[in-house]
PDB file of N, CA and C in Angstrom:
ATOM      1  N   MET A   1       0.855  -1.172   0.000  1.00  0.00           N
ATOM      2  CA  MET A   1       0.000   0.000   0.000  1.00  0.00           C
ATOM      3  C   MET A   1       0.901   1.235   0.000  1.00  0.00           C
ATOM      4  N   ASP A   2       0.649   2.119  -0.908  1.00  0.00           N
ATOM      5  CA  ASP A   2       1.474   3.329  -0.959  1.00  0.00           C
ATOM      6  C   ASP A   2       0.931   4.383  -0.003  1.00  0.00           C
ATOM      7  N   ILE A   3       1.652   5.475   0.118  1.00  0.00           N
ATOM      8  CA  ILE A   3       1.305   6.527   1.084  1.00  0.00           C
ATOM      9  C   ILE A   3      -0.022   7.182   0.729  1.00  0.00           C
ATOM     10  N   ASN A   4      -0.296   7.365  -0.556  1.00  0.00           N
ATOM     11  CA  ASN A   4      -1.548   8.013  -0.959  1.00  0.00           C
ATOM     12  C   ASN A   4      -2.761   7.181  -0.530  1.00  0.00           C
ATOM     13  N   ALA A   5      -2.666   5.879  -0.684  1.00  0.00           N
ATOM     14  CA  ALA A   5      -3.778   5.016  -0.290  1.00  0.00           C
ATOM     15  C   ALA A   5      -3.963   5.034   1.222  1.00  0.00           C
ATOM     16  N   ALA A   6      -2.844   5.014   1.964  1.00  0.00           N
ATOM     17  CA  ALA A   6      -2.939   5.057   3.423  1.00  0.00           C
ATOM     18  C   ALA A   6      -3.514   6.386   3.886  1.00  0.00           C
ATOM     19  N   LEU A   7      -3.092   7.465   3.251  1.00  0.00           N
ATOM     20  CA  LEU A   7      -3.605   8.790   3.598  1.00  0.00           C
ATOM     21  C   LEU A   7      -5.091   8.891   3.271  1.00  0.00           C
ATOM     22  N   ALA A   8      -5.500   8.333   2.142  1.00  0.00           N
ATOM     23  CA  ALA A   8      -6.910   8.343   1.762  1.00  0.00           C
ATOM     24  C   ALA A   8      -7.738   7.544   2.766  1.00  0.00           C
ATOM     25  N   ALA A   9      -7.205   6.405   3.204  1.00  0.00           N
ATOM     26  CA  ALA A   9      -7.919   5.587   4.182  1.00  0.00           C
ATOM     27  C   ALA A   9      -8.061   6.329   5.511  1.00  0.00           C
ATOM     28  N   GLN A  10      -7.028   7.047   5.924  1.00  0.00           N
ATOM     29  CA  GLN A  10      -7.100   7.810   7.173  1.00  0.00           C
ATOM     30  C   GLN A  10      -8.125   8.934   7.063  1.00  0.00           C
ATOM     31  N   ARG A  11      -8.128   9.621   5.943  1.00  0.00           N
ATOM     32  CA  ARG A  11      -9.092  10.715   5.750  1.00  0.00           C
ATOM     33  C   ARG A  11     -10.522  10.178   5.700  1.00  0.00           C
ATOM     34  N   TYR A  12     -10.693   9.019   5.065  1.00  0.00           N
ATOM     35  CA  TYR A  12     -12.020   8.409   5.011  1.00  0.00           C
ATOM     36  C   TYR A  12     -12.498   8.051   6.417  1.00  0.00           C
ATOM     37  N   THR A  13     -11.618   7.455   7.191  1.00  0.00           N
ATOM     38  CA  THR A  13     -11.964   7.083   8.558  1.00  0.00           C
ATOM     39  C   THR A  13     -12.288   8.319   9.388  1.00  0.00           C
ATOM     40  N   ALA A  14     -11.562   9.392   9.184  1.00  0.00           N
ATOM     41  CA  ALA A  14     -11.813  10.625   9.930  1.00  0.00           C
ATOM     42  C   ALA A  14     -13.139  11.259   9.533  1.00  0.00           C
ATOM     43  N   SER A  15     -13.567  11.061   8.289  1.00  0.00           N
ATOM     44  CA  SER A  15     -14.816  11.678   7.840  1.00  0.00           C
ATOM     45  C   SER A  15     -16.032  10.828   8.176  1.00  0.00           C
ATOM     46  N   ARG A  16     -15.864   9.599   8.580  1.00  0.00           N
ATOM     47  CA  ARG A  16     -16.992   8.719   8.909  1.00  0.00           C
ATOM     48  C   ARG A  16     -17.899   9.286   9.999  1.00  0.00           C
ATOM     49  N   PRO A  17     -17.376   9.866  11.086  1.00  0.00           N
ATOM     50  CA  PRO A  17     -18.291  10.396  12.097  1.00  0.00           C
ATOM     51  C   PRO A  17     -19.218  11.493  11.553  1.00  0.00           C
ATOM     52  N   ALA A  18     -18.788  12.196  10.517  1.00  0.00           N
ATOM     53  CA  ALA A  18     -19.633  13.246   9.954  1.00  0.00           C
ATOM     54  C   ALA A  18     -20.851  12.649   9.262  1.00  0.00           C
ATOM     55  N   THR A  19     -20.740  11.407   8.830  1.00  0.00           N
ATOM     56  CA  THR A  19     -21.870  10.775   8.160  1.00  0.00           C
ATOM     57  C   THR A  19     -22.717   9.937   9.117  1.00  0.00           C
ATOM     58  N   ALA A  20     -22.315   9.867  10.370  1.00  0.00           N
ATOM     59  CA  ALA A  20     -23.092   9.121  11.355  1.00  0.00           C
ATOM     60  C   ALA A  20     -24.399   9.858  11.633  1.00  0.00           C
ATOM     61  N   PRO A  21     -25.432   9.140  12.034  1.00  0.00           N
ATOM     62  CA  PRO A  21     -26.708   9.795  12.326  1.00  0.00           C
ATOM     63  C   PRO A  21     -26.554  10.854  13.416  1.00  0.00           C
ATOM     64  N   ASP A  22     -27.201  11.959  13.202  1.00  0.00           N
ATOM     65  CA  ASP A  22     -27.159  13.058  14.161  1.00  0.00           C
ATOM     66  C   ASP A  22     -28.136  12.758  15.302  1.00  0.00           C
ATOM     67  N   PRO A  23     -27.661  12.750  16.543  1.00  0.00           N
ATOM     68  CA  PRO A  23     -28.559  12.424  17.662  1.00  0.00           C
ATOM     69  C   PRO A  23     -29.715  13.403  17.820  1.00  0.00           C
ATOM     70  N   THR A  24     -29.532  14.666  17.418  1.00  0.00           N
ATOM     71  CA  THR A  24     -30.631  15.619  17.543  1.00  0.00           C
ATOM     72  C   THR A  24     -31.748  15.290  16.564  1.00  0.00           C
ATOM     73  N   VAL A  25     -31.379  14.772  15.387  1.00  0.00           N
ATOM     74  CA  VAL A  25     -32.406  14.381  14.419  1.00  0.00           C
ATOM     75  C   VAL A  25     -33.166  13.170  14.944  1.00  0.00           C
ATOM     76  N   GLU A  26     -32.439  12.229  15.538  1.00  0.00           N
ATOM     77  CA  GLU A  26     -33.099  11.059  16.120  1.00  0.00           C
ATOM     78  C   GLU A  26     -34.009  11.479  17.269  1.00  0.00           C
ATOM     79  N   ALA A  27     -33.575  12.440  18.063  1.00  0.00           N
ATOM     80  CA  ALA A  27     -34.398  12.920  19.178  1.00  0.00           C
ATOM     81  C   ALA A  27     -35.653  13.611  18.652  1.00  0.00           C
ATOM     82  N   ALA A  28     -35.517  14.361  17.575  1.00  0.00           N
ATOM     83  CA  ALA A  28     -36.679  15.033  16.991  1.00  0.00           C
ATOM     84  C   ALA A  28     -37.665  14.008  16.444  1.00  0.00           C
ATOM     85  N   GLY A  29     -37.148  12.962  15.840  1.00  0.00           N
ATOM     86  CA  GLY A  29     -38.017  11.898  15.342  1.00  0.00           C
ATOM     87  C   GLY A  29     -38.743  11.196  16.466  1.00  0.00           C
ATOM     88  N   ALA A  30     -38.046  10.963  17.562  1.00  0.00           N
ATOM     89  CA  ALA A  30     -38.675  10.332  18.722  1.00  0.00           C
ATOM     90  C   ALA A  30     -39.733  11.240  19.327  1.00  0.00           C
ATOM     91  N   ALA A  31     -39.450  12.534  19.352  1.00  0.00           N
ATOM     92  CA  ALA A  31     -40.432  13.487  19.891  1.00  0.00           C
ATOM     93  C   ALA A  31     -41.683  13.520  19.021  1.00  0.00           C
ATOM     94  N   ALA A  32     -41.492  13.471  17.706  1.00  0.00           N
ATOM     95  CA  ALA A  32     -42.644  13.455  16.803  1.00  0.00           C
ATOM     96  C   ALA A  32     -43.460  12.184  16.988  1.00  0.00           C
ATOM     97  N   SER A  33     -42.786  11.073  17.186  1.00  0.00           N
ATOM     98  CA  SER A  33     -43.492   9.809  17.421  1.00  0.00           C
ATOM     99  C   SER A  33     -44.274   9.858  18.733  1.00  0.00           C
ATOM    100  N   ASP A  34     -43.659  10.413  19.768  1.00  0.00           N
ATOM    101  CA  ASP A  34     -44.349  10.550  21.053  1.00  0.00           C
ATOM    102  C   ASP A  34     -45.559  11.477  20.928  1.00  0.00           C
ATOM    103  N   PHE A  35     -45.414  12.537  20.154  1.00  0.00           N
ATOM    104  CA  PHE A  35     -46.507  13.478  19.933  1.00  0.00           C
ATOM    105  C   PHE A  35     -47.684  12.771  19.268  1.00  0.00           C
ATOM    106  N   MET A  36     -47.382  12.007  18.222  1.00  0.00           N
ATOM    107  CA  MET A  36     -48.447  11.294  17.517  1.00  0.00           C
ATOM    108  C   MET A  36     -49.095  10.229  18.413  1.00  0.00           C
ATOM    109  N   ALA A  37     -48.280   9.561  19.224  1.00  0.00           N
ATOM    110  CA  ALA A  37     -48.823   8.550  20.136  1.00  0.00           C
ATOM    111  C   ALA A  37     -49.762   9.189  21.154  1.00  0.00           C
ATOM    112  N   THR A  38     -49.403  10.364  21.637  1.00  0.00           N
ATOM    113  CA  THR A  38     -50.260  11.070  22.593  1.00  0.00           C
ATOM    114  C   THR A  38     -51.592  11.442  21.956  1.00  0.00           C
ATOM    115  N   LEU A  39     -51.543  11.936  20.724  1.00  0.00           N
ATOM    116  CA  LEU A  39     -52.782  12.308  20.044  1.00  0.00           C
ATOM    117  C   LEU A  39     -53.643  11.083  19.757  1.00  0.00           C
ATOM    118  N   GLN A  40     -53.012   9.987  19.361  1.00  0.00           N
ATOM    119  CA  GLN A  40     -53.781   8.767  19.092  1.00  0.00           C
ATOM    120  C   GLN A  40     -54.412   8.214  20.371  1.00  0.00           C
ATOM    121  N   LYS A  41     -53.666   8.279  21.468  1.00  0.00           N
ATOM    122  CA  LYS A  41     -54.200   7.808  22.752  1.00  0.00           C
ATOM    123  C   LYS A  41     -55.409   8.646  23.158  1.00  0.00           C
ATOM    124  N   THR A  42     -55.317   9.954  22.952  1.00  0.00           N
ATOM    125  CA  THR A  42     -56.438  10.837  23.286  1.00  0.00           C
ATOM    126  C   THR A  42     -57.642  10.523  22.422  1.00  0.00           C
ATOM    127  N   GLU A  43     -57.403  10.278  21.141  1.00  0.00           N
ATOM    128  CA  GLU A  43     -58.504   9.959  20.236  1.00  0.00           C
ATOM    129  C   GLU A  43     -59.182   8.638  20.637  1.00  0.00           C
ATOM    130  N   GLU A  44     -58.379   7.641  20.986  1.00  0.00           N
ATOM    131  CA  GLU A  44     -58.938   6.359  21.409  1.00  0.00           C
ATOM    132  C   GLU A  44     -59.737   6.511  22.703  1.00  0.00           C
ATOM    133  N   THR A  45     -59.223   7.316  23.630  1.00  0.00           N
ATOM    134  CA  THR A  45     -59.943   7.545  24.889  1.00  0.00           C
ATOM    135  C   THR A  45     -61.254   8.274  24.632  1.00  0.00           C
ATOM    136  N   ALA A  46     -61.245   9.231  23.719  1.00  0.00           N
ATOM    137  CA  ALA A  46     -62.465   9.972  23.394  1.00  0.00           C
ATOM    138  C   ALA A  46     -63.505   9.048  22.760  1.00  0.00           C
ATOM    139  N   LYS A  47     -63.048   8.170  21.868  1.00  0.00           N
ATOM    140  CA  LYS A  47     -63.986   7.218  21.256  1.00  0.00           C
ATOM    141  C   LYS A  47     -64.562   6.277  22.310  1.00  0.00           C
ATOM    142  N   ALA A  48     -63.698   5.824  23.221  1.00  0.00           N
ATOM    143  CA  ALA A  48     -64.168   4.929  24.280  1.00  0.00           C
ATOM    144  C   ALA A  48     -65.155   5.643  25.204  1.00  0.00           C
ATOM    145  N   ALA A  49     -64.911   6.908  25.466  1.00  0.00           N
ATOM    146  CA  ALA A  49     -65.816   7.668  26.327  1.00  0.00           C
ATOM    147  C   ALA A  49     -67.179   7.863  25.655  1.00  0.00           C
ATOM    148  N   LEU A  50     -67.179   8.007  24.346  1.00  0.00           N
ATOM    149  CA  LEU A  50     -68.451   8.201  23.641  1.00  0.00           C
ATOM    150  C   LEU A  50     -69.352   6.971  23.722  1.00  0.00           C
ATOM    151  N   VAL A  51     -68.760   5.796  23.766  1.00  0.00           N
ATOM    152  CA  VAL A  51     -69.572   4.575  23.832  1.00  0.00           C
ATOM    153  C   VAL A  51     -69.694   4.053  25.263  1.00  0.00           C
ATOM    154  N   GLY A  52     -69.179   4.816  26.233  1.00  0.00           N
ATOM    155  CA  GLY A  52     -69.336   4.473  27.627  1.00  0.00           C
ATOM    156  C   GLY A  52     -68.301   3.509  28.177  1.00  0.00           C
ATOM    157  N   GLN A  53     -67.199   3.314  27.491  1.00  0.00           N
ATOM    158  CA  GLN A  53     -66.177   2.382  27.958  1.00  0.00           C
ATOM    159  C   GLN A  53     -65.054   3.061  28.731  1.00  0.00           C
ATOM    160  N   ALA A  54     -65.059   4.380  28.804  1.00  0.00           N
ATOM    161  CA  ALA A  54     -64.034   5.112  29.557  1.00  0.00           C
ATOM    162  C   ALA A  54     -64.734   6.157  30.419  1.00  0.00           C
ATOM    163  N   ASP A  55     -64.156   6.398  31.572  1.00  0.00           N
ATOM    164  CA  ASP A  55     -64.776   7.387  32.453  1.00  0.00           C
ATOM    165  C   ASP A  55     -64.371   8.806  32.052  1.00  0.00           C
ATOM    166  N   THR A  56     -65.085   9.747  32.591  1.00  0.00           N
ATOM    167  CA  THR A  56     -64.864  11.153  32.260  1.00  0.00           C
ATOM    168  C   THR A  56     -63.495  11.629  32.716  1.00  0.00           C
ATOM    169  N   HIS A  57     -63.037  11.129  33.851  1.00  0.00           N
ATOM    170  CA  HIS A  57     -61.723  11.527  34.370  1.00  0.00           C
ATOM    171  C   HIS A  57     -60.605  11.142  33.397  1.00  0.00           C
ATOM    172  N   ALA A  58     -60.680   9.939  32.830  1.00  0.00           N
ATOM    173  CA  ALA A  58     -59.661   9.496  31.865  1.00  0.00           C
ATOM    174  C   ALA A  58     -59.694  10.369  30.617  1.00  0.00           C
ATOM    175  N   LEU A  59     -60.890  10.744  30.187  1.00  0.00           N
ATOM    176  CA  LEU A  59     -61.009  11.604  29.010  1.00  0.00           C
ATOM    177  C   LEU A  59     -60.421  12.979  29.268  1.00  0.00           C
ATOM    178  N   VAL A  60     -60.718  13.557  30.419  1.00  0.00           N
ATOM    179  CA  VAL A  60     -60.190  14.884  30.750  1.00  0.00           C
ATOM    180  C   VAL A  60     -58.671  14.838  30.860  1.00  0.00           C
ATOM    181  N   GLN A  61     -58.145  13.786  31.470  1.00  0.00           N
ATOM    182  CA  GLN A  61     -56.691  13.649  31.594  1.00  0.00           C
ATOM    183  C   GLN A  61     -56.038  13.501  30.227  1.00  0.00           C
ATOM    184  N   ALA A  62     -56.632  12.697  29.347  1.00  0.00           N
ATOM    185  CA  ALA A  62     -56.085  12.519  28.000  1.00  0.00           C
ATOM    186  C   ALA A  62     -56.140  13.822  27.210  1.00  0.00           C
ATOM    187  N   MET A  63     -57.222  14.565  27.360  1.00  0.00           N
ATOM    188  CA  MET A  63     -57.342  15.854  26.657  1.00  0.00           C
ATOM    189  C   MET A  63     -56.310  16.848  27.166  1.00  0.00           C
ATOM    190  N   ALA A  64     -56.030  16.846  28.473  1.00  0.00           N
ATOM    191  CA  ALA A  64     -55.022  17.745  29.038  1.00  0.00           C
ATOM    192  C   ALA A  64     -53.632  17.378  28.512  1.00  0.00           C
ATOM    193  N   GLU A  65     -53.337  16.081  28.430  1.00  0.00           N
ATOM    194  CA  GLU A  65     -52.051  15.652  27.878  1.00  0.00           C
ATOM    195  C   GLU A  65     -51.919  16.064  26.418  1.00  0.00           C
ATOM    196  N   SER A  66     -53.004  15.921  25.690  1.00  0.00           N
ATOM    197  CA  SER A  66     -53.001  16.302  24.278  1.00  0.00           C
ATOM    198  C   SER A  66     -52.789  17.807  24.114  1.00  0.00           C
ATOM    199  N   LYS A  67     -53.453  18.596  24.946  1.00  0.00           N
ATOM    200  CA  LYS A  67     -53.288  20.052  24.882  1.00  0.00           C
ATOM    201  C   LYS A  67     -51.846  20.439  25.194  1.00  0.00           C
ATOM    202  N   PHE A  68     -51.267  19.801  26.204  1.00  0.00           N
ATOM    203  CA  PHE A  68     -49.877  20.082  26.557  1.00  0.00           C
ATOM    204  C   PHE A  68     -48.944  19.728  25.403  1.00  0.00           C
ATOM    205  N   ALA A  69     -49.189  18.592  24.744  1.00  0.00           N
ATOM    206  CA  ALA A  69     -48.354  18.178  23.615  1.00  0.00           C
ATOM    207  C   ALA A  69     -48.466  19.161  22.453  1.00  0.00           C
ATOM    208  N   VAL A  70     -49.671  19.606  22.167  1.00  0.00           N
ATOM    209  CA  VAL A  70     -49.867  20.564  21.075  1.00  0.00           C
ATOM    210  C   VAL A  70     -49.224  21.906  21.422  1.00  0.00           C
ATOM    211  N   ASP A  71     -49.383  22.362  22.654  1.00  0.00           N
ATOM    212  CA  ASP A  71     -48.756  23.622  23.080  1.00  0.00           C
ATOM    213  C   ASP A  71     -47.233  23.539  22.965  1.00  0.00           C
ATOM    214  N   THR A  72     -46.668  22.401  23.344  1.00  0.00           N
ATOM    215  CA  THR A  72     -45.223  22.218  23.242  1.00  0.00           C
ATOM    216  C   THR A  72     -44.782  22.233  21.790  1.00  0.00           C
ATOM    217  N   ALA A  73     -45.526  21.554  20.924  1.00  0.00           N
ATOM    218  CA  ALA A  73     -45.181  21.519  19.500  1.00  0.00           C
ATOM    219  C   ALA A  73     -45.256  22.917  18.884  1.00  0.00           C
ATOM    220  N   VAL A  74     -46.251  23.680  19.265  1.00  0.00           N
ATOM    221  CA  VAL A  74     -46.388  25.048  18.746  1.00  0.00           C
ATOM    222  C   VAL A  74     -45.230  25.920  19.230  1.00  0.00           C
ATOM    223  N   THR A  75     -44.835  25.763  20.474  1.00  0.00           N
ATOM    224  CA  THR A  75     -43.714  26.535  21.013  1.00  0.00           C
ATOM    225  C   THR A  75     -42.418  26.203  20.291  1.00  0.00           C
ATOM    226  N   VAL A  76     -42.181  24.920  20.049  1.00  0.00           N
ATOM    227  CA  VAL A  76     -40.978  24.511  19.321  1.00  0.00           C
ATOM    228  C   VAL A  76     -41.010  25.060  17.903  1.00  0.00           C
ATOM    229  N   ARG A  77     -42.163  24.978  17.254  1.00  0.00           N
ATOM    230  CA  ARG A  77     -42.285  25.511  15.901  1.00  0.00           C
ATOM    231  C   ARG A  77     -42.002  27.013  15.871  1.00  0.00           C
ATOM    232  N   ASP A  78     -42.538  27.741  16.840  1.00  0.00           N
ATOM    233  CA  ASP A  78     -42.297  29.184  16.893  1.00  0.00           C
ATOM    234  C   ASP A  78     -40.812  29.495  17.067  1.00  0.00           C
ATOM    235  N   LYS A  79     -40.125  28.728  17.895  1.00  0.00           N
ATOM    236  CA  LYS A  79     -38.681  28.938  18.091  1.00  0.00           C
ATOM    237  C   LYS A  79     -37.892  28.638  16.826  1.00  0.00           C
ATOM    238  N   VAL A  80     -38.284  27.596  16.106  1.00  0.00           N
ATOM    239  CA  VAL A  80     -37.600  27.255  14.853  1.00  0.00           C
ATOM    240  C   VAL A  80     -37.813  28.364  13.823  1.00  0.00           C
ATOM    241  N   VAL A  81     -39.032  28.868  13.723  1.00  0.00           N
ATOM    242  CA  VAL A  81     -39.315  29.956  12.779  1.00  0.00           C
ATOM    243  C   VAL A  81     -38.541  31.209  13.171  1.00  0.00           C
ATOM    244  N   GLU A  82     -38.488  31.502  14.460  1.00  0.00           N
ATOM    245  CA  GLU A  82     -37.741  32.668  14.934  1.00  0.00           C
ATOM    246  C   GLU A  82     -36.249  32.540  14.614  1.00  0.00           C
ATOM    247  N   ALA A  83     -35.691  31.355  14.809  1.00  0.00           N
ATOM    248  CA  ALA A  83     -34.271  31.138  14.488  1.00  0.00           C
ATOM    249  C   ALA A  83     -34.031  31.272  12.994  1.00  0.00           C
ATOM    250  N   TYR A  84     -34.940  30.764  12.187  1.00  0.00           N
ATOM    251  CA  TYR A  84     -34.807  30.878  10.730  1.00  0.00           C
ATOM    252  C   TYR A  84     -34.848  32.347  10.300  1.00  0.00           C
ATOM    253  N   GLN A  85     -35.743  33.112  10.892  1.00  0.00           N
ATOM    254  CA  GLN A  85     -35.829  34.532  10.556  1.00  0.00           C
ATOM    255  C   GLN A  85     -34.558  35.274  10.966  1.00  0.00           C
ATOM    256  N   GLU A  86     -33.968  34.890  12.102  1.00  0.00           N
ATOM    257  CA  GLU A  86     -32.689  35.495  12.528  1.00  0.00           C
ATOM    258  C   GLU A  86     -31.599  35.182  11.514  1.00  0.00           C
ATOM    259  N   ILE A  87     -31.571  33.966  11.014  1.00  0.00           N
ATOM    260  CA  ILE A  87     -30.572  33.588  10.011  1.00  0.00           C
ATOM    261  C   ILE A  87     -30.764  34.402   8.740  1.00  0.00           C
ATOM    262  N   LEU A  88     -32.016  34.626   8.357  1.00  0.00           N
ATOM    263  CA  LEU A  88     -32.269  35.422   7.144  1.00  0.00           C
ATOM    264  C   LEU A  88     -31.829  36.871   7.307  1.00  0.00           C
ATOM    265  N   ARG A  89     -31.849  37.373   8.524  1.00  0.00           N
ATOM    266  CA  ARG A  89     -31.446  38.762   8.769  1.00  0.00           C
ATOM    267  C   ARG A  89     -29.928  38.943   8.792  1.00  0.00           C
ATOM    268  N   MET A  90     -29.186  37.861   8.869  1.00  0.00           N
ATOM    269  CA  MET A  90     -27.722  37.985   8.933  1.00  0.00           C
ATOM    270  C   MET A  90     -27.175  38.505   7.606  1.00  0.00           C
ATOM    271  N   PRO A  91     -26.210  39.423   7.700  1.00  0.00           N
ATOM    272  CA  PRO A  91     -25.597  39.897   6.456  1.00  0.00           C
ATOM    273  C   PRO A  91     -24.709  38.805   5.847  1.00  0.00           C
ATOM    274  N   VAL A  92     -24.726  38.765   4.552  1.00  0.00           N
ATOM    275  CA  VAL A  92     -23.935  37.734   3.865  1.00  0.00           C
ATOM    276  C   VAL A  92     -22.544  38.244   3.558  1.00  0.00           C
TER     277      VAL A  92
END
């Protein structure tokens, strides 16, 4: 193996972590999955309450969890939009 091949192999190995999955993206995906699960759970509880299979307390609790999840998602969205607008204001 010549020096160029060894150098190329070292550079390739050094660049591998840059192509590894970003943990923040994985966390965002998990948060989105949790958000959808919360909404689905609330919907199932509401359907069960309509046919008399769930009590009112469970429905109110599920609705409160759903409201909290939606409020959190809206807050995160607002922060992302605000950060994007700040980036657009930066001089090039």
